[in-house]
């Protein structure tokens, strides 16, 4: 269960680049399956260091920057980074699986590596704990909280890094509790009729969920600003192609705000998105979204041909278990 909040809580701290004096930093990266030949390191006060790929197919740059939190981005996805004076940080990563493969090494890399490992641990925690009953979830959650605090307090990290991280992790833990409660409520819907919707269709007119009765329905709740959502698109397109002609409808519901309506229209056209592309009537506050208790995206929902809920928090397209499930239902 990869939720946007697992990544985004730390990205907020990018704005907390607290030192004003700049010192030299060297950053190198070797990225397999990269999606761009350019990286960018972004920080507070408009800081933006662009890094083009060199003739050895690596990224290598020396620049001056204040100490603090930054976001490393390839133009689509963001990764957490912490820079200290005179750091020489090297990144290795497989961009097709960044959560599991991101690794920092070199002088001053401990903090950045902790951020990568923390994100990885959070992914694993939610995959396990969010499937548990409340008492077991609470036990695992308390263990996680204690481990988080001990890892930060006892680690060989910059003191200011520790202070900010302890606060950020506490905020993230509160959000995890809210998300678990929301998902638990949604899971109780299993076997019940799904709430209906009536949303604008990218191809024109409007589409009701009840219009799709008689087919399995796989629903993707997403937004154009959501990096993890965009990362799932190629996998979703492959699944749509595999099950083309089968008794299943693929529905993508954007919860972009009305201000981003044109952005959604353009994105769907430019990326040639398939399936049924819909625009929610009131973003996060749409009745359909609220009834499912959705607080993080991407979120996937699987319904049966009678419109009943098979899984209110289904596997995402990149998860092989989704195809295993669909094969049982459709092949």
Protein backbone atom coordinates (compact mmCIF):
# COMPACT_ATOMS: atom_id res chain seq x y z
CA UNK A 1 0.00 0.00 0.00
CA UNK A 2 2.03 2.91 -1.28
CA UNK A 3 0.33 6.12 -0.17
CA UNK A 4 1.29 9.62 -1.19
CA UNK A 5 1.63 10.71 2.44
CA UNK A 6 4.54 8.31 2.97
CA UNK A 7 6.61 10.42 0.62
CA UNK A 8 5.07 13.85 0.97
CA UNK A 9 5.47 14.35 4.71
CA UNK A 10 9.20 14.83 4.34
CA UNK A 11 8.97 16.94 1.22
CA UNK A 12 7.38 19.64 3.35
CA UNK A 13 10.66 19.96 5.21
CA UNK A 14 12.34 21.10 2.01
CA UNK A 15 11.14 24.56 2.96
CA UNK A 16 13.10 24.31 6.19
CA UNK A 17 16.52 24.94 4.69
CA UNK A 18 17.63 26.91 7.69
CA UNK A 19 21.26 27.90 7.09
CA UNK A 20 21.99 30.97 4.99
CA UNK A 21 25.73 30.54 4.35
CA UNK A 22 26.63 28.37 1.37
CA UNK A 23 29.36 25.76 1.22
CA UNK A 24 30.60 23.50 -1.55
CA UNK A 25 28.80 20.20 -2.12
CA UNK A 26 29.48 17.47 -4.66
CA UNK A 27 26.65 15.24 -5.84
CA UNK A 28 26.97 12.25 -8.17
CA UNK A 29 24.36 9.73 -9.26
CA UNK A 30 24.17 6.52 -11.26
CA UNK A 31 20.57 5.74 -12.15
CA UNK A 32 19.40 2.74 -14.13
CA UNK A 33 16.10 2.82 -16.03
CA UNK A 34 16.13 6.59 -15.67
CA UNK A 35 13.24 8.56 -17.14
CA UNK A 36 15.20 11.75 -17.72
CA UNK A 37 18.71 12.91 -18.67
CA UNK A 38 18.38 15.79 -16.23
CA UNK A 39 18.07 15.91 -12.46
CA UNK A 40 17.26 18.90 -10.29
CA UNK A 41 18.00 19.62 -6.64
CA UNK A 42 15.42 22.05 -5.26
CA UNK A 43 15.33 23.83 -1.95
CA UNK A 44 14.03 26.88 -0.13
CA UNK A 45 14.04 30.41 -1.52
CA UNK A 46 13.90 29.24 -5.12
CA UNK A 47 17.09 27.18 -4.97
CA UNK A 48 17.37 24.97 -8.07
CA UNK A 49 20.53 23.17 -9.14
CA UNK A 50 20.12 21.47 -12.54
CA UNK A 51 22.31 18.43 -13.22
CA UNK A 52 22.62 17.18 -16.84
CA UNK A 53 23.89 13.68 -17.56
CA UNK A 54 27.54 13.48 -18.64
CA UNK A 55 29.18 11.48 -21.44
CA UNK A 56 29.71 8.57 -19.03
CA UNK A 57 25.93 8.37 -18.52
CA UNK A 58 26.25 9.54 -14.92
CA UNK A 59 25.29 12.71 -13.08
CA UNK A 60 28.12 14.71 -11.51
CA UNK A 61 28.05 18.28 -10.21
CA UNK A 62 29.77 20.47 -7.63
CA UNK A 63 27.85 23.48 -6.36
CA UNK A 64 27.33 25.69 -3.33
CA UNK A 65 24.27 25.33 -1.13
CA UNK A 66 23.08 26.07 2.41
CA UNK A 67 22.78 23.17 4.82
CA UNK A 68 19.31 21.68 4.96
CA UNK A 69 16.60 19.59 3.34
CA UNK A 70 16.18 19.39 -0.42
CA UNK A 71 14.17 17.54 -3.01
CA UNK A 72 15.93 15.66 -5.77
CA UNK A 73 13.64 15.31 -8.76
CA UNK A 74 13.81 13.79 -12.23
CA UNK A 75 10.91 15.94 -13.37
CA UNK A 76 8.24 13.46 -12.33
CA UNK A 77 9.14 11.98 -8.95
CA UNK A 78 10.80 13.55 -5.92
CA UNK A 79 13.31 12.05 -3.50
CA UNK A 80 14.42 13.43 -0.15
CA UNK A 81 17.94 14.76 0.25
CA UNK A 82 19.90 16.43 3.05
CA UNK A 83 23.00 18.51 2.32
CA UNK A 84 25.75 19.44 4.75
CA UNK A 85 28.93 21.53 4.28
CA UNK A 86 31.61 19.81 2.18
CA UNK A 87 29.44 16.77 1.53
CA UNK A 88 30.34 14.37 -1.28
CA UNK A 89 27.21 12.32 -1.81
CA UNK A 90 26.74 9.53 -4.34
CA UNK A 91 23.34 8.11 -5.26
CA UNK A 92 22.60 4.76 -6.87
CA UNK A 93 19.05 3.88 -7.84
CA UNK A 94 16.89 1.87 -10.19
CA UNK A 95 14.23 4.36 -11.23
CA UNK A 96 11.79 1.56 -12.00
CA UNK A 97 11.76 0.68 -8.29
CA UNK A 98 13.04 3.72 -6.40
CA UNK A 99 11.60 2.88 -2.99
CA UNK A 100 13.59 -0.35 -2.70
CA UNK A 101 16.79 0.68 -4.50
CA UNK A 102 17.62 4.26 -3.48
CA UNK A 103 20.97 4.33 -1.67
CA UNK A 104 23.25 7.22 -0.72
CA UNK A 105 26.92 6.86 0.15
CA UNK A 106 29.96 9.10 0.66
CA UNK A 107 30.88 11.96 2.95
CA UNK A 108 27.83 13.50 4.63
CA UNK A 109 25.39 10.94 3.24
CA UNK A 110 24.09 9.49 6.52
CA UNK A 111 21.10 11.81 6.72
CA UNK A 112 20.03 11.30 3.10
CA UNK A 113 20.38 7.56 3.46
CA UNK A 114 18.22 7.65 6.58
CA UNK A 115 15.49 9.44 4.62
CA UNK A 116 15.61 6.77 1.91
CA UNK A 117 15.52 3.95 4.46
CA UNK A 118 12.72 5.60 6.41
CA UNK A 119 10.54 5.81 3.31
CA UNK A 120 11.28 2.14 2.61
CA UNK A 121 10.37 1.11 6.14
CA UNK A 122 7.15 3.08 5.99
CA UNK A 123 6.14 1.29 2.80
CA UNK A 124 6.79 -2.09 4.39
CA UNK A 125 5.02 -1.10 7.60
CA UNK A 126 1.81 -0.05 5.88
CA UNK A 127 1.83 -3.11 3.62
CA UNK A 128 1.81 -5.29 6.74
CA UNK A 129 0.12 -3.28 9.47
CA UNK A 130 -2.77 -1.87 7.44
CA UNK A 131 -4.06 -5.42 6.93
CA UNK A 132 -4.23 -6.12 10.67
CA UNK A 133 -7.06 -5.88 13.15
CA UNK A 134 -7.00 -2.80 15.45
CA UNK A 135 -5.26 -4.38 18.44
CA UNK A 136 -2.47 -5.89 16.33
CA UNK A 137 -2.15 -2.71 14.30
CA UNK A 138 -1.74 -0.68 17.49
CA UNK A 139 0.96 -3.05 18.75
CA UNK A 140 2.91 -2.77 15.51
CA UNK A 141 2.39 0.97 15.43
CA UNK A 142 3.82 1.44 18.93
CA UNK A 143 6.84 -0.65 18.00
CA UNK A 144 7.32 1.49 14.89
CA UNK A 145 7.07 4.75 16.84
CA UNK A 146 9.70 3.64 19.33
CA UNK A 147 11.99 2.41 16.57
CA UNK A 148 11.62 5.71 14.69
CA UNK A 149 12.59 7.74 17.75
CA UNK A 150 15.51 5.50 18.68
CA UNK A 151 16.86 5.45 15.13
CA UNK A 152 16.85 9.24 14.96
CA UNK A 153 18.05 10.02 18.49
CA UNK A 154 20.84 7.43 18.49
CA UNK A 155 21.95 7.91 14.90
CA UNK A 156 25.08 9.75 13.82
CA UNK A 157 23.15 12.66 12.33
CA UNK A 158 23.33 16.43 12.30
CA UNK A 159 21.60 17.83 15.46
CA UNK A 160 19.34 20.14 13.47
CA UNK A 161 18.40 17.23 11.19
CA UNK A 162 17.35 15.23 14.26
CA UNK A 163 15.20 18.04 15.62
CA UNK A 164 13.27 18.52 12.39
CA UNK A 165 12.95 14.78 11.71
CA UNK A 166 11.53 14.01 15.14
CA UNK A 167 8.81 16.58 14.55
CA UNK A 168 8.13 15.42 10.97
CA UNK A 169 7.95 11.76 11.95
CA UNK A 170 5.53 12.58 14.77
CA UNK A 171 3.28 14.37 12.28
CA UNK A 172 3.52 11.45 9.88
CA UNK A 173 2.59 8.98 12.60
CA UNK A 174 -0.57 10.96 13.36
CA UNK A 175 -1.47 10.83 9.69
CA UNK A 176 -0.87 7.07 9.56
CA UNK A 177 -3.37 6.61 12.39
CA UNK A 178 -5.94 8.65 10.49
CA UNK A 179 -5.28 6.69 7.31
CA UNK A 180 -5.64 3.34 9.08
CA UNK A 181 -8.95 4.40 10.59
CA UNK A 182 -10.14 5.56 7.19
CA UNK A 183 -9.12 2.34 5.47
CA UNK A 184 -10.64 0.25 8.24
CA UNK A 185 -13.96 1.99 7.70
CA UNK A 186 -13.68 1.40 3.98
CA UNK A 187 -12.88 -2.30 4.42
CA UNK A 188 -16.13 -2.75 6.29
CA UNK A 189 -17.85 -1.91 3.01
CA UNK A 190 -16.67 -5.18 1.41
CA UNK A 191 -19.62 -7.04 -0.08
CA UNK A 192 -21.87 -3.99 0.13
CA UNK A 193 -23.09 -2.00 -2.87
CA UNK A 194 -20.65 0.70 -3.88
CA UNK A 195 -21.65 4.35 -3.62
CA UNK A 196 -22.55 5.69 -7.05
CA UNK A 197 -21.11 8.70 -8.85
CA UNK A 198 -21.96 10.93 -11.78
CA UNK A 199 -18.79 12.56 -13.12
CA UNK A 200 -17.77 14.35 -16.30
CA UNK A 201 -16.25 12.08 -18.94
CA UNK A 202 -13.15 13.30 -20.78
CA UNK A 203 -14.73 12.15 -24.04
CA UNK A 204 -17.86 14.18 -23.38
CA UNK A 205 -21.01 13.94 -21.34
CA UNK A 206 -21.08 12.28 -17.93
CA UNK A 207 -20.73 8.72 -16.68
CA UNK A 208 -22.51 7.05 -13.78
CA UNK A 209 -21.03 4.08 -11.97
CA UNK A 210 -24.36 2.32 -12.33
CA UNK A 211 -23.95 2.58 -16.13
CA UNK A 212 -21.20 -0.05 -15.83
CA UNK A 213 -23.30 -2.68 -14.08
CA UNK A 214 -22.67 -6.13 -15.54
CA UNK A 215 -18.90 -5.70 -15.57
CA UNK A 216 -16.17 -5.80 -13.01
CA UNK A 217 -14.97 -2.25 -12.42
CA UNK A 218 -11.42 -1.30 -11.46
CA UNK A 219 -11.31 2.31 -10.27
CA UNK A 220 -8.17 4.44 -10.03
CA UNK A 221 -8.42 7.55 -7.83
CA UNK A 222 -5.60 9.87 -8.88
CA UNK A 223 -4.52 13.45 -9.67
CA UNK A 224 -2.12 15.01 -12.15
CA UNK A 225 0.04 16.41 -9.33
CA UNK A 226 0.49 12.99 -7.69
CA UNK A 227 3.87 11.45 -8.57
CA UNK A 228 3.05 7.92 -7.34
CA UNK A 229 -0.20 8.10 -9.35
CA UNK A 230 1.67 8.94 -12.55
CA UNK A 231 4.15 6.17 -11.83
CA UNK A 232 1.30 3.65 -12.01
CA UNK A 233 0.07 4.80 -15.44
CA UNK A 234 2.32 2.56 -17.59
CA UNK A 235 1.36 -0.48 -15.50
CA UNK A 236 -2.33 0.41 -15.75
CA UNK A 237 -2.06 0.76 -19.53
CA UNK A 238 -0.54 -2.73 -19.78
CA UNK A 239 -3.35 -4.20 -17.69
CA UNK A 240 -5.99 -2.42 -19.76
CA UNK A 241 -4.46 -3.94 -22.88
CA UNK A 242 -4.22 -7.44 -21.38
CA UNK A 243 -7.88 -7.52 -20.39
CA UNK A 244 -9.24 -5.69 -23.41
CA UNK A 245 -12.52 -7.26 -24.47
CA UNK A 246 -13.02 -8.93 -21.09
CA UNK A 247 -15.89 -8.22 -18.72
CA UNK A 248 -14.14 -5.38 -16.92
CA UNK A 249 -14.17 -1.59 -17.13
CA UNK A 250 -11.18 0.52 -16.12
CA UNK A 251 -12.18 3.87 -14.65
CA UNK A 252 -9.80 6.66 -13.65
CA UNK A 253 -11.25 9.42 -11.49
CA UNK A 254 -9.20 12.60 -11.17
CA UNK A 255 -9.55 14.54 -7.93
CA UNK A 256 -7.69 17.55 -9.29
CA UNK A 257 -9.20 20.83 -8.17
CA UNK A 258 -11.37 22.79 -10.55
CA UNK A 259 -8.47 25.20 -11.06
CA UNK A 260 -6.54 22.29 -12.59
CA UNK A 261 -9.37 21.17 -14.85
CA UNK A 262 -7.58 22.26 -18.03
CA UNK A 263 -4.39 20.61 -16.82
CA UNK A 264 -6.32 17.35 -16.42
CA UNK A 265 -7.85 17.64 -19.90
CA UNK A 266 -4.46 18.27 -21.47
CA UNK A 267 -2.71 15.53 -19.47
CA UNK A 268 -5.20 12.83 -20.44
CA UNK A 269 -4.90 13.77 -24.11
CA UNK A 270 -1.12 14.15 -24.14
CA UNK A 271 -0.50 10.85 -22.33
CA UNK A 272 -3.18 9.05 -24.39
CA UNK A 273 -4.72 7.62 -21.26
CA UNK A 274 -7.11 4.76 -21.84
CA UNK A 275 -10.12 3.46 -20.00
CA UNK A 276 -12.88 5.77 -18.82
CA UNK A 277 -11.37 9.09 -17.73
CA UNK A 278 -13.56 11.05 -15.31
CA UNK A 279 -13.24 14.31 -13.38
CA UNK A 280 -14.65 14.32 -9.82
CA UNK A 281 -17.13 17.09 -9.14
CA UNK A 282 -15.54 18.37 -5.90
CA UNK A 283 -11.99 16.92 -5.67
CA UNK A 284 -11.33 15.41 -2.19
CA UNK A 285 -14.79 16.49 -1.02
CA UNK A 286 -16.70 14.63 -3.73
CA UNK A 287 -19.37 12.46 -2.17
CA UNK A 288 -17.92 9.28 -3.70
CA UNK A 289 -14.46 10.04 -2.27
CA UNK A 290 -15.81 10.86 1.18
CA UNK A 291 -17.93 7.71 1.39
CA UNK A 292 -14.83 5.59 0.75
CA UNK A 293 -12.87 7.58 3.33
CA UNK A 294 -10.06 8.24 0.87
CA UNK A 295 -7.23 10.30 2.38
CA UNK A 296 -4.30 9.23 0.21
CA UNK A 297 -3.73 8.52 -3.47
CA UNK A 298 -3.35 6.60 -5.62
CA UNK A 299 -6.25 4.52 -4.37
CA UNK A 300 -7.72 1.60 -6.29
CA UNK A 301 -11.14 0.01 -5.88
CA UNK A 302 -12.45 -3.24 -7.38
CA UNK A 303 -16.18 -3.88 -7.82
CA UNK A 304 -18.07 -6.94 -9.03
CA UNK A 305 -20.61 -6.97 -11.90
CA UNK A 306 -23.45 -6.29 -9.44
CA UNK A 307 -21.72 -3.13 -8.25
CA UNK A 308 -20.70 -4.66 -4.94
CA UNK A 309 -17.32 -3.98 -3.40
CA UNK A 310 -14.73 -6.73 -3.90
CA UNK A 311 -11.88 -4.66 -2.47
CA UNK A 312 -12.15 -1.03 -1.40
CA UNK A 313 -8.36 -0.73 -1.29
CA UNK A 314 -7.28 -2.99 -4.13
CA UNK A 315 -3.75 -3.75 -5.30
CA UNK A 316 -2.24 -1.15 -7.57
CA UNK A 317 -1.41 -2.00 -11.21
CA UNK A 318 2.31 -2.44 -10.48
CA UNK A 319 1.52 -5.16 -7.91
CA UNK A 320 1.61 -8.64 -9.53
CA UNK A 321 -1.13 -9.73 -7.15
CA UNK A 322 -3.62 -7.59 -9.06
CA UNK A 323 -3.23 -9.62 -12.23
CA UNK A 324 -3.44 -12.83 -10.22
CA UNK A 325 -6.78 -11.61 -8.84
CA UNK A 326 -8.10 -10.49 -12.23
CA UNK A 327 -7.02 -13.74 -13.84
CA UNK A 328 -9.14 -15.65 -11.34
CA UNK A 329 -12.12 -13.42 -12.05
CA UNK A 330 -11.83 -12.99 -15.80
CA UNK A 331 -9.79 -15.72 -17.50
